[in-house]
Amino acid sequence: MLEDDAAMDADSLVGQDPRSGVRPSGGERDWAAAVLEPVRWMRMLCRELGATFVAGVVLVYGLSQGFAGSFFRVASDYYWKDVQRVQPATVQFLSVFFFIPWVLKPLWGIMTDVFPICGYRRRPYFLFSGILGTVSAAIVAVTIGLPMSSAVLCLMGISTAVAIADVTIDASIAKNSIDKPALAPDMQSLCAFSSSLGALVGYATSGLFVHHLGAQGALGVMAIPPATVVFLGFFIYELKTHQHNVKEKVLNKVGGAVKGMVRTIRYPVVWRPSLYMFLSLALSISTHEGQFYWYTNKTPPNPGFSQREILIH
């Protein structure tokens, strides 16, 4: 059936009637089938997993993580340098606070699993994440003379919004992977593709926005991704759960989740790679901020000295 559908789509794409005697060449059919294959794949995912779930993965991974993550990296560097006018060492220290929400991902995960709000486990957290990110980005973009401490809190709010949305959609992905294990690789491919494409667009457009809107105005663009997450909280499909003795069940679930995490981390196949990743990230030296200040300096010392030296010699 798939081969017949592919042939029908390919024939219609090149403008030939499949019932007529004139048929396109093999190369044209292969080209048409290759072009239509991603469309069929997305339609299959929407049919099997639900269109709102697929849209949620694209919005969170593509727009909130991929685009916003890369855009934030560029715009925030210019914001600290041109607006707040702080030194690279200070920026390096302040960047630690932006990773705190990601360190707390296990906490957000437990909350989405054991603390349903009005019978829903996903929708309220999408709504909270979107509102938090939108308000934080708007405050940074419109407030003139924002104190450095307030700016750090707002940027932490943006980072927290992305982290909560990431954990919430990951919980949905995990549930669908359990229910339909055959589609687990497809879901991971969709996540990676959306994130990579969003990051590419973010890096490609961030300089343009910073140039035309300034570093502070460009951060206002960061309000768009969380705003779409707010809409996701309204339309994503989720069954409402009705529970009795909610308080007792929540306490039991929290205890069970904590015990499960402790039991899992004791396995060597878990704690050894986790320890390696932690040490590799914690002990790695980053000179990004110093390099950024150096190659964006308008006055020496900046990369211009190398051009003058080469021209002189």
C-alpha atoms as a PDB file:
ATOM      1  CA  MET A   1       0.000   0.000   0.000  1.00  0.00           C
ATOM      2  CA  LEU A   2       2.815   2.414   0.804  1.00  0.00           C
ATOM      3  CA  GLU A   3       4.431   1.743  -2.574  1.00  0.00           C
ATOM      4  CA  ASP A   4       1.111   2.371  -4.365  1.00  0.00           C
ATOM      5  CA  ASP A   5       0.555   5.621  -2.418  1.00  0.00           C
ATOM      6  CA  ALA A   6       4.081   6.744  -3.225  1.00  0.00           C
ATOM      7  CA  ALA A   7       3.525   6.094  -6.897  1.00  0.00           C
ATOM      8  CA  MET A   8       0.203   7.947  -6.879  1.00  0.00           C
ATOM      9  CA  ASP A   9       1.733  10.984  -5.107  1.00  0.00           C
ATOM     10  CA  ALA A  10       4.729  11.006  -7.373  1.00  0.00           C
ATOM     11  CA  ASP A  11       2.541  10.811 -10.475  1.00  0.00           C
ATOM     12  CA  SER A  12       0.330  13.652  -9.324  1.00  0.00           C
ATOM     13  CA  LEU A  13       3.382  15.758  -8.433  1.00  0.00           C
ATOM     14  CA  VAL A  14       4.901  15.545 -11.898  1.00  0.00           C
ATOM     15  CA  GLY A  15       1.511  16.111 -13.524  1.00  0.00           C
ATOM     16  CA  GLN A  16       0.860  12.633 -14.973  1.00  0.00           C
ATOM     17  CA  ASP A  17      -2.289  10.564 -14.730  1.00  0.00           C
ATOM     18  CA  PRO A  18      -1.376   7.192 -13.173  1.00  0.00           C
ATOM     19  CA  ARG A  19      -4.078   5.487 -15.286  1.00  0.00           C
ATOM     20  CA  SER A  20      -2.727   6.856 -18.532  1.00  0.00           C
ATOM     21  CA  GLY A  21      -0.227   5.054 -20.658  1.00  0.00           C
ATOM     22  CA  VAL A  22       2.460   7.711 -20.232  1.00  0.00           C
ATOM     23  CA  ARG A  23       4.308   7.299 -16.966  1.00  0.00           C
ATOM     24  CA  PRO A  24       7.173   9.365 -15.539  1.00  0.00           C
ATOM     25  CA  SER A  25      10.670   8.002 -15.597  1.00  0.00           C
ATOM     26  CA  GLY A  26      12.169   6.150 -12.655  1.00  0.00           C
ATOM     27  CA  GLY A  27      14.308   9.126 -11.714  1.00  0.00           C
ATOM     28  CA  GLU A  28      11.278  11.424 -11.514  1.00  0.00           C
ATOM     29  CA  ARG A  29       9.363   8.918  -9.387  1.00  0.00           C
ATOM     30  CA  ASP A  30      12.321   8.535  -7.014  1.00  0.00           C
ATOM     31  CA  TRP A  31      12.700  12.314  -6.704  1.00  0.00           C
ATOM     32  CA  ALA A  32       9.004  12.811  -6.013  1.00  0.00           C
ATOM     33  CA  ALA A  33       8.930   9.981  -3.478  1.00  0.00           C
ATOM     34  CA  ALA A  34      11.965  11.422  -1.682  1.00  0.00           C
ATOM     35  CA  VAL A  35      10.335  14.857  -1.485  1.00  0.00           C
ATOM     36  CA  LEU A  36       7.049  13.464  -0.195  1.00  0.00           C
ATOM     37  CA  GLU A  37       8.553  11.016   2.302  1.00  0.00           C
ATOM     38  CA  PRO A  38       9.021  13.587   5.150  1.00  0.00           C
ATOM     39  CA  VAL A  39       5.416  14.676   4.639  1.00  0.00           C
ATOM     40  CA  ARG A  40       4.204  11.081   4.936  1.00  0.00           C
ATOM     41  CA  TRP A  41       6.377  10.609   8.012  1.00  0.00           C
ATOM     42  CA  MET A  42       4.890  13.665   9.740  1.00  0.00           C
ATOM     43  CA  ARG A  43       1.368  12.585   8.816  1.00  0.00           C
ATOM     44  CA  MET A  44       2.074   9.143  10.247  1.00  0.00           C
ATOM     45  CA  LEU A  45       3.298  10.650  13.524  1.00  0.00           C
ATOM     46  CA  CYS A  46       0.245  12.907  13.734  1.00  0.00           C
ATOM     47  CA  ARG A  47      -2.043   9.952  13.072  1.00  0.00           C
ATOM     48  CA  GLU A  48      -0.382   7.630  15.594  1.00  0.00           C
ATOM     49  CA  LEU A  49       0.594  10.090  18.344  1.00  0.00           C
ATOM     50  CA  GLY A  50      -1.779  13.001  17.858  1.00  0.00           C
ATOM     51  CA  ALA A  51      -1.297  16.274  16.015  1.00  0.00           C
ATOM     52  CA  THR A  52      -1.162  18.338  19.219  1.00  0.00           C
ATOM     53  CA  PHE A  53       1.637  16.168  20.617  1.00  0.00           C
ATOM     54  CA  VAL A  54       3.694  16.540  17.432  1.00  0.00           C
ATOM     55  CA  ALA A  55       3.047  20.290  17.471  1.00  0.00           C
ATOM     56  CA  GLY A  56       4.165  20.376  21.105  1.00  0.00           C
ATOM     57  CA  VAL A  57       7.462  18.658  20.303  1.00  0.00           C
ATOM     58  CA  VAL A  58       8.119  21.064  17.443  1.00  0.00           C
ATOM     59  CA  LEU A  59       7.258  24.129  19.548  1.00  0.00           C
ATOM     60  CA  VAL A  60       9.263  23.109  22.620  1.00  0.00           C
ATOM     61  CA  TYR A  61      12.281  21.560  20.933  1.00  0.00           C
ATOM     62  CA  GLY A  62      12.312  23.688  17.802  1.00  0.00           C
ATOM     63  CA  LEU A  63      11.185  27.114  18.995  1.00  0.00           C
ATOM     64  CA  SER A  64      11.662  27.159  22.768  1.00  0.00           C
ATOM     65  CA  GLN A  65      14.933  25.202  22.944  1.00  0.00           C
ATOM     66  CA  GLY A  66      16.548  25.367  19.522  1.00  0.00           C
ATOM     67  CA  PHE A  67      15.706  28.883  18.365  1.00  0.00           C
ATOM     68  CA  ALA A  68      15.472  30.564  21.785  1.00  0.00           C
ATOM     69  CA  GLY A  69      18.584  28.824  23.102  1.00  0.00           C
ATOM     70  CA  SER A  70      20.840  29.949  20.272  1.00  0.00           C
ATOM     71  CA  PHE A  71      19.225  33.399  20.074  1.00  0.00           C
ATOM     72  CA  PHE A  72      19.622  33.873  23.837  1.00  0.00           C
ATOM     73  CA  ARG A  73      23.313  32.969  23.711  1.00  0.00           C
ATOM     74  CA  VAL A  74      24.099  35.722  21.195  1.00  0.00           C
ATOM     75  CA  ALA A  75      21.701  38.429  22.414  1.00  0.00           C
ATOM     76  CA  SER A  76      22.572  37.993  26.101  1.00  0.00           C
ATOM     77  CA  ASP A  77      26.302  38.352  25.394  1.00  0.00           C
ATOM     78  CA  TYR A  78      25.692  41.724  23.745  1.00  0.00           C
ATOM     79  CA  TYR A  79      23.260  42.687  26.513  1.00  0.00           C
ATOM     80  CA  TRP A  80      25.837  42.193  29.260  1.00  0.00           C
ATOM     81  CA  LYS A  81      28.547  43.942  27.277  1.00  0.00           C
ATOM     82  CA  ASP A  82      26.683  46.920  25.766  1.00  0.00           C
ATOM     83  CA  VAL A  83      23.776  47.497  28.174  1.00  0.00           C
ATOM     84  CA  GLN A  84      24.923  46.317  31.594  1.00  0.00           C
ATOM     85  CA  ARG A  85      28.600  47.037  30.802  1.00  0.00           C
ATOM     86  CA  VAL A  86      30.046  44.333  33.020  1.00  0.00           C
ATOM     87  CA  GLN A  87      33.404  42.610  32.698  1.00  0.00           C
ATOM     88  CA  PRO A  88      33.861  39.126  31.167  1.00  0.00           C
ATOM     89  CA  ALA A  89      34.742  37.581  34.543  1.00  0.00           C
ATOM     90  CA  THR A  90      31.471  38.864  35.972  1.00  0.00           C
ATOM     91  CA  VAL A  91      29.487  37.517  33.027  1.00  0.00           C
ATOM     92  CA  GLN A  92      31.182  34.143  33.452  1.00  0.00           C
ATOM     93  CA  PHE A  93      30.128  34.095  37.110  1.00  0.00           C
ATOM     94  CA  LEU A  94      26.556  35.222  36.382  1.00  0.00           C
ATOM     95  CA  SER A  95      26.109  32.542  33.717  1.00  0.00           C
ATOM     96  CA  VAL A  96      26.249  29.948  36.507  1.00  0.00           C
ATOM     97  CA  PHE A  97      22.819  31.094  37.689  1.00  0.00           C
ATOM     98  CA  PHE A  98      21.277  30.413  34.262  1.00  0.00           C
ATOM     99  CA  PHE A  99      22.142  26.704  34.605  1.00  0.00           C
ATOM    100  CA  ILE A 100      20.482  26.306  38.020  1.00  0.00           C
ATOM    101  CA  PRO A 101      16.997  25.641  36.515  1.00  0.00           C
ATOM    102  CA  TRP A 102      18.491  22.858  34.410  1.00  0.00           C
ATOM    103  CA  VAL A 103      20.189  21.320  37.445  1.00  0.00           C
ATOM    104  CA  LEU A 104      16.751  21.229  39.078  1.00  0.00           C
ATOM    105  CA  LYS A 105      15.198  19.227  36.222  1.00  0.00           C
ATOM    106  CA  PRO A 106      14.587  16.199  38.470  1.00  0.00           C
ATOM    107  CA  LEU A 107      12.508  18.445  40.742  1.00  0.00           C
ATOM    108  CA  TRP A 108      10.433  19.743  37.832  1.00  0.00           C
ATOM    109  CA  GLY A 109       9.990  16.156  36.652  1.00  0.00           C
ATOM    110  CA  ILE A 110       8.672  15.003  40.014  1.00  0.00           C
ATOM    111  CA  MET A 111       6.291  17.964  40.147  1.00  0.00           C
ATOM    112  CA  THR A 112       4.778  17.221  36.735  1.00  0.00           C
ATOM    113  CA  ASP A 113       4.335  13.550  37.637  1.00  0.00           C
ATOM    114  CA  VAL A 114       2.915  13.717  41.146  1.00  0.00           C
ATOM    115  CA  PHE A 115       1.363  17.190  41.460  1.00  0.00           C
ATOM    116  CA  PRO A 116      -1.551  17.386  39.020  1.00  0.00           C
ATOM    117  CA  ILE A 117      -3.366  20.714  38.899  1.00  0.00           C
ATOM    118  CA  CYS A 118      -7.125  20.600  38.303  1.00  0.00           C
ATOM    119  CA  GLY A 119      -6.708  17.028  37.124  1.00  0.00           C
ATOM    120  CA  TYR A 120      -4.025  17.802  34.510  1.00  0.00           C
ATOM    121  CA  ARG A 121      -0.333  16.898  34.702  1.00  0.00           C
ATOM    122  CA  ARG A 122       1.001  18.694  31.617  1.00  0.00           C
ATOM    123  CA  ARG A 123      -1.206  21.609  30.644  1.00  0.00           C
ATOM    124  CA  PRO A 124      -0.768  23.718  33.818  1.00  0.00           C
ATOM    125  CA  TYR A 125       3.023  23.431  33.635  1.00  0.00           C
ATOM    126  CA  PHE A 126       3.060  24.494  30.002  1.00  0.00           C
ATOM    127  CA  LEU A 127       0.934  27.491  30.956  1.00  0.00           C
ATOM    128  CA  PHE A 128       3.161  28.408  33.905  1.00  0.00           C
ATOM    129  CA  SER A 129       6.301  27.985  31.814  1.00  0.00           C
ATOM    130  CA  GLY A 130       4.979  30.146  28.994  1.00  0.00           C
ATOM    131  CA  ILE A 131       3.748  32.943  31.244  1.00  0.00           C
ATOM    132  CA  LEU A 132       6.995  32.992  33.231  1.00  0.00           C
ATOM    133  CA  GLY A 133       9.157  33.175  30.101  1.00  0.00           C
ATOM    134  CA  THR A 134       7.010  35.790  28.390  1.00  0.00           C
ATOM    135  CA  VAL A 135       6.894  38.114  31.412  1.00  0.00           C
ATOM    136  CA  SER A 136      10.629  37.738  32.117  1.00  0.00           C
ATOM    137  CA  ALA A 137      11.620  38.526  28.533  1.00  0.00           C
ATOM    138  CA  ALA A 138       9.227  41.476  28.361  1.00  0.00           C
ATOM    139  CA  ILE A 139      10.635  43.011  31.548  1.00  0.00           C
ATOM    140  CA  VAL A 140      14.203  42.819  30.228  1.00  0.00           C
ATOM    141  CA  ALA A 141      13.211  44.273  26.863  1.00  0.00           C
ATOM    142  CA  VAL A 142      11.183  47.282  28.025  1.00  0.00           C
ATOM    143  CA  THR A 143      12.819  48.320  31.306  1.00  0.00           C
ATOM    144  CA  ILE A 144      15.440  51.031  30.932  1.00  0.00           C
ATOM    145  CA  GLY A 145      18.215  51.018  33.515  1.00  0.00           C
ATOM    146  CA  LEU A 146      17.324  47.584  34.862  1.00  0.00           C
ATOM    147  CA  PRO A 147      19.590  46.716  37.828  1.00  0.00           C
ATOM    148  CA  MET A 148      21.995  43.861  37.274  1.00  0.00           C
ATOM    149  CA  SER A 149      20.398  41.718  39.985  1.00  0.00           C
ATOM    150  CA  SER A 150      16.957  42.145  38.416  1.00  0.00           C
ATOM    151  CA  ALA A 151      18.374  41.327  34.981  1.00  0.00           C
ATOM    152  CA  VAL A 152      19.870  38.110  36.362  1.00  0.00           C
ATOM    153  CA  LEU A 153      16.501  37.129  37.875  1.00  0.00           C
ATOM    154  CA  CYS A 154      14.694  37.818  34.591  1.00  0.00           C
ATOM    155  CA  LEU A 155      17.174  35.808  32.535  1.00  0.00           C
ATOM    156  CA  MET A 156      16.917  33.029  35.110  1.00  0.00           C
ATOM    157  CA  GLY A 157      13.155  33.194  34.588  1.00  0.00           C
ATOM    158  CA  ILE A 158      13.635  32.681  30.851  1.00  0.00           C
ATOM    159  CA  SER A 159      15.939  29.728  31.510  1.00  0.00           C
ATOM    160  CA  THR A 160      13.503  28.250  34.038  1.00  0.00           C
ATOM    161  CA  ALA A 161      10.643  28.526  31.555  1.00  0.00           C
ATOM    162  CA  VAL A 162      12.607  26.594  28.926  1.00  0.00           C
ATOM    163  CA  ALA A 163      13.646  23.931  31.462  1.00  0.00           C
ATOM    164  CA  ILE A 164      10.089  23.349  32.725  1.00  0.00           C
ATOM    165  CA  ALA A 165       8.687  23.135  29.192  1.00  0.00           C
ATOM    166  CA  ASP A 166      11.483  20.708  28.292  1.00  0.00           C
ATOM    167  CA  VAL A 167      10.747  18.420  31.254  1.00  0.00           C
ATOM    168  CA  THR A 168       7.010  18.513  30.590  1.00  0.00           C
ATOM    169  CA  ILE A 169       7.261  17.556  26.925  1.00  0.00           C
ATOM    170  CA  ASP A 170       9.874  14.916  27.803  1.00  0.00           C
ATOM    171  CA  ALA A 171       7.352  13.359  30.182  1.00  0.00           C
ATOM    172  CA  SER A 172       4.840  13.180  27.330  1.00  0.00           C
ATOM    173  CA  ILE A 173       7.488  11.656  25.052  1.00  0.00           C
ATOM    174  CA  ALA A 174       8.368   9.063  27.685  1.00  0.00           C
ATOM    175  CA  LYS A 175       4.718   8.080  28.105  1.00  0.00           C
ATOM    176  CA  ASN A 176       4.205   7.723  24.365  1.00  0.00           C
ATOM    177  CA  SER A 177       7.454   5.743  24.103  1.00  0.00           C
ATOM    178  CA  ILE A 178       6.097   3.289  26.685  1.00  0.00           C
ATOM    179  CA  ASP A 179       2.699   3.058  25.002  1.00  0.00           C
ATOM    180  CA  LYS A 180       4.136   2.789  21.475  1.00  0.00           C
ATOM    181  CA  PRO A 181       7.772   1.619  21.700  1.00  0.00           C
ATOM    182  CA  ALA A 182       8.010   1.085  17.946  1.00  0.00           C
ATOM    183  CA  LEU A 183       7.719   4.859  17.445  1.00  0.00           C
ATOM    184  CA  ALA A 184      10.317   5.819  20.078  1.00  0.00           C
ATOM    185  CA  PRO A 185      13.122   6.275  17.492  1.00  0.00           C
ATOM    186  CA  ASP A 186      10.822   8.432  15.366  1.00  0.00           C
ATOM    187  CA  MET A 187      10.058  10.677  18.328  1.00  0.00           C
ATOM    188  CA  GLN A 188      13.755  11.102  19.070  1.00  0.00           C
ATOM    189  CA  SER A 189      14.396  11.947  15.425  1.00  0.00           C
ATOM    190  CA  LEU A 190      11.639  14.552  15.524  1.00  0.00           C
ATOM    191  CA  CYS A 191      13.138  16.095  18.677  1.00  0.00           C
ATOM    192  CA  ALA A 192      16.662  16.245  17.245  1.00  0.00           C
ATOM    193  CA  PHE A 193      15.519  17.607  13.889  1.00  0.00           C
ATOM    194  CA  SER A 194      13.346  20.314  15.466  1.00  0.00           C
ATOM    195  CA  SER A 195      16.097  21.385  17.871  1.00  0.00           C
ATOM    196  CA  SER A 196      18.783  21.504  15.169  1.00  0.00           C
ATOM    197  CA  LEU A 197      16.624  23.438  12.721  1.00  0.00           C
ATOM    198  CA  GLY A 198      15.542  25.911  15.405  1.00  0.00           C
ATOM    199  CA  ALA A 199      19.140  26.476  16.533  1.00  0.00           C
ATOM    200  CA  LEU A 200      20.222  27.087  12.943  1.00  0.00           C
ATOM    201  CA  VAL A 201      17.506  29.711  12.456  1.00  0.00           C
ATOM    202  CA  GLY A 202      18.316  31.304  15.814  1.00  0.00           C
ATOM    203  CA  TYR A 203      22.018  31.698  15.113  1.00  0.00           C
ATOM    204  CA  ALA A 204      21.297  32.931  11.579  1.00  0.00           C
ATOM    205  CA  THR A 205      18.873  35.665  12.672  1.00  0.00           C
ATOM    206  CA  SER A 206      20.204  36.740  16.088  1.00  0.00           C
ATOM    207  CA  GLY A 207      22.838  39.071  14.657  1.00  0.00           C
ATOM    208  CA  LEU A 208      20.260  40.732  12.421  1.00  0.00           C
ATOM    209  CA  PHE A 209      17.924  41.430  15.354  1.00  0.00           C
ATOM    210  CA  VAL A 210      20.754  42.705  17.560  1.00  0.00           C
ATOM    211  CA  HIS A 211      21.922  45.019  14.778  1.00  0.00           C
ATOM    212  CA  HIS A 212      18.481  46.540  14.114  1.00  0.00           C
ATOM    213  CA  LEU A 213      16.872  46.402  17.569  1.00  0.00           C
ATOM    214  CA  GLY A 214      19.879  46.590  19.847  1.00  0.00           C
ATOM    215  CA  ALA A 215      20.831  44.014  22.454  1.00  0.00           C
ATOM    216  CA  GLN A 216      17.990  44.920  24.821  1.00  0.00           C
ATOM    217  CA  GLY A 217      15.341  45.072  22.107  1.00  0.00           C
ATOM    218  CA  ALA A 218      16.520  41.774  20.653  1.00  0.00           C
ATOM    219  CA  LEU A 219      15.869  40.078  23.975  1.00  0.00           C
ATOM    220  CA  GLY A 220      12.224  41.047  23.486  1.00  0.00           C
ATOM    221  CA  VAL A 221      12.104  38.437  20.715  1.00  0.00           C
ATOM    222  CA  MET A 222      12.667  35.895  23.490  1.00  0.00           C
ATOM    223  CA  ALA A 223       9.049  36.507  24.563  1.00  0.00           C
ATOM    224  CA  ILE A 224       7.697  34.856  21.402  1.00  0.00           C
ATOM    225  CA  PRO A 225       8.705  31.202  22.073  1.00  0.00           C
ATOM    226  CA  PRO A 226       7.221  31.069  25.599  1.00  0.00           C
ATOM    227  CA  ALA A 227       4.081  32.787  24.309  1.00  0.00           C
ATOM    228  CA  THR A 228       3.561  29.848  21.938  1.00  0.00           C
ATOM    229  CA  VAL A 229       4.023  27.484  24.890  1.00  0.00           C
ATOM    230  CA  VAL A 230       1.079  29.240  26.572  1.00  0.00           C
ATOM    231  CA  PHE A 231      -1.108  28.327  23.593  1.00  0.00           C
ATOM    232  CA  LEU A 232       0.297  24.795  23.770  1.00  0.00           C
ATOM    233  CA  GLY A 233      -0.985  24.552  27.333  1.00  0.00           C
ATOM    234  CA  PHE A 234      -4.508  25.221  26.064  1.00  0.00           C
ATOM    235  CA  PHE A 235      -4.717  22.938  23.038  1.00  0.00           C
ATOM    236  CA  ILE A 236      -2.426  19.954  23.745  1.00  0.00           C
ATOM    237  CA  TYR A 237      -4.482  16.808  24.200  1.00  0.00           C
ATOM    238  CA  GLU A 238      -4.489  15.376  27.719  1.00  0.00           C
ATOM    239  CA  LEU A 239      -6.992  13.279  29.600  1.00  0.00           C
ATOM    240  CA  LYS A 240      -8.242  14.742  32.850  1.00  0.00           C
ATOM    241  CA  THR A 241      -7.691  12.526  35.868  1.00  0.00           C
ATOM    242  CA  HIS A 242     -10.104  12.284  38.794  1.00  0.00           C
ATOM    243  CA  GLN A 243      -8.571  11.203  42.091  1.00  0.00           C
ATOM    244  CA  HIS A 244      -9.754  10.821  45.626  1.00  0.00           C
ATOM    245  CA  ASN A 245      -7.549  11.273  48.694  1.00  0.00           C
ATOM    246  CA  VAL A 246      -5.239  13.371  46.565  1.00  0.00           C
ATOM    247  CA  LYS A 247      -3.005  14.473  49.440  1.00  0.00           C
ATOM    248  CA  GLU A 248      -2.267  10.923  50.559  1.00  0.00           C
ATOM    249  CA  LYS A 249      -1.621   9.733  47.035  1.00  0.00           C
ATOM    250  CA  VAL A 250       0.691  12.659  46.297  1.00  0.00           C
ATOM    251  CA  LEU A 251       2.798  11.913  49.364  1.00  0.00           C
ATOM    252  CA  ASN A 252       3.029   8.258  48.377  1.00  0.00           C
ATOM    253  CA  LYS A 253       4.018   9.152  44.841  1.00  0.00           C
ATOM    254  CA  VAL A 254       6.675  11.617  45.984  1.00  0.00           C
ATOM    255  CA  GLY A 255       8.162   8.998  48.260  1.00  0.00           C
ATOM    256  CA  GLY A 256       8.059   6.409  45.504  1.00  0.00           C
ATOM    257  CA  ALA A 257       9.681   8.787  42.998  1.00  0.00           C
ATOM    258  CA  VAL A 258      12.503   9.711  45.371  1.00  0.00           C
ATOM    259  CA  LYS A 259      13.152   6.064  46.262  1.00  0.00           C
ATOM    260  CA  GLY A 260      13.144   5.165  42.575  1.00  0.00           C
ATOM    261  CA  MET A 261      15.704   7.875  41.783  1.00  0.00           C
ATOM    262  CA  VAL A 262      17.967   6.745  44.636  1.00  0.00           C
ATOM    263  CA  ARG A 263      17.656   3.128  43.563  1.00  0.00           C
ATOM    264  CA  THR A 264      18.416   3.990  39.948  1.00  0.00           C
ATOM    265  CA  ILE A 265      21.475   6.126  40.672  1.00  0.00           C
ATOM    266  CA  ARG A 266      23.060   3.238  42.592  1.00  0.00           C
ATOM    267  CA  TYR A 267      23.505   1.195  39.417  1.00  0.00           C
ATOM    268  CA  PRO A 268      27.081   1.485  38.060  1.00  0.00           C
ATOM    269  CA  VAL A 269      25.762   1.862  34.507  1.00  0.00           C
ATOM    270  CA  VAL A 270      23.978   5.015  35.705  1.00  0.00           C
ATOM    271  CA  TRP A 271      26.250   6.733  38.217  1.00  0.00           C
ATOM    272  CA  ARG A 272      29.526   6.154  36.367  1.00  0.00           C
ATOM    273  CA  PRO A 273      28.612   7.966  33.114  1.00  0.00           C
ATOM    274  CA  SER A 274      26.725  10.574  35.166  1.00  0.00           C
ATOM    275  CA  LEU A 275      29.828  11.241  37.245  1.00  0.00           C
ATOM    276  CA  TYR A 276      31.963  11.441  34.121  1.00  0.00           C
ATOM    277  CA  MET A 277      29.629  13.942  32.462  1.00  0.00           C
ATOM    278  CA  PHE A 278      29.444  16.027  35.629  1.00  0.00           C
ATOM    279  CA  LEU A 279      33.221  16.173  36.043  1.00  0.00           C
ATOM    280  CA  SER A 280      33.823  16.867  32.357  1.00  0.00           C
ATOM    281  CA  LEU A 281      31.442  19.816  32.437  1.00  0.00           C
ATOM    282  CA  ALA A 282      32.398  21.103  35.891  1.00  0.00           C
ATOM    283  CA  LEU A 283      36.151  21.000  35.311  1.00  0.00           C
ATOM    284  CA  SER A 284      36.200  22.228  31.720  1.00  0.00           C
ATOM    285  CA  ILE A 285      37.590  25.728  31.166  1.00  0.00           C
ATOM    286  CA  SER A 286      35.516  28.143  29.103  1.00  0.00           C
ATOM    287  CA  THR A 287      36.953  31.350  27.657  1.00  0.00           C
ATOM    288  CA  HIS A 288      33.863  32.223  25.637  1.00  0.00           C
ATOM    289  CA  GLU A 289      33.075  35.503  27.387  1.00  0.00           C
ATOM    290  CA  GLY A 290      36.670  36.725  27.216  1.00  0.00           C
ATOM    291  CA  GLN A 291      36.925  35.881  23.531  1.00  0.00           C
ATOM    292  CA  PHE A 292      33.568  37.530  22.826  1.00  0.00           C
ATOM    293  CA  TYR A 293      34.654  40.799  24.440  1.00  0.00           C
ATOM    294  CA  TRP A 294      37.963  40.651  22.594  1.00  0.00           C
ATOM    295  CA  TYR A 295      36.648  40.147  19.046  1.00  0.00           C
ATOM    296  CA  THR A 296      33.729  42.585  19.487  1.00  0.00           C
ATOM    297  CA  ASN A 297      35.867  45.407  20.905  1.00  0.00           C
ATOM    298  CA  LYS A 298      35.851  48.507  18.716  1.00  0.00           C
ATOM    299  CA  THR A 299      39.093  49.776  20.183  1.00  0.00           C
ATOM    300  CA  PRO A 300      42.357  47.889  20.707  1.00  0.00           C
ATOM    301  CA  PRO A 301      43.067  45.331  21.944  1.00  0.00           C
ATOM    302  CA  ASN A 302      40.893  43.582  19.373  1.00  0.00           C
ATOM    303  CA  PRO A 303      41.385  41.294  16.359  1.00  0.00           C
ATOM    304  CA  GLY A 304      42.265  44.329  14.247  1.00  0.00           C
ATOM    305  CA  PHE A 305      45.897  44.123  15.370  1.00  0.00           C
ATOM    306  CA  SER A 306      46.401  40.906  13.380  1.00  0.00           C
ATOM    307  CA  GLN A 307      45.132  42.561  10.199  1.00  0.00           C
ATOM    308  CA  ARG A 308      47.479  45.523  10.666  1.00  0.00           C
ATOM    309  CA  GLU A 309      50.425  43.261  11.350  1.00  0.00           C
ATOM    310  CA  ILE A 310      49.757  41.191   8.241  1.00  0.00           C
ATOM    311  CA  LEU A 311      49.387  44.286   6.072  1.00  0.00           C
ATOM    312  CA  ILE A 312      52.578  45.791   7.438  1.00  0.00           C
ATOM    313  CA  HIS A 313      54.595  42.677   6.760  1.00  0.00           C
END
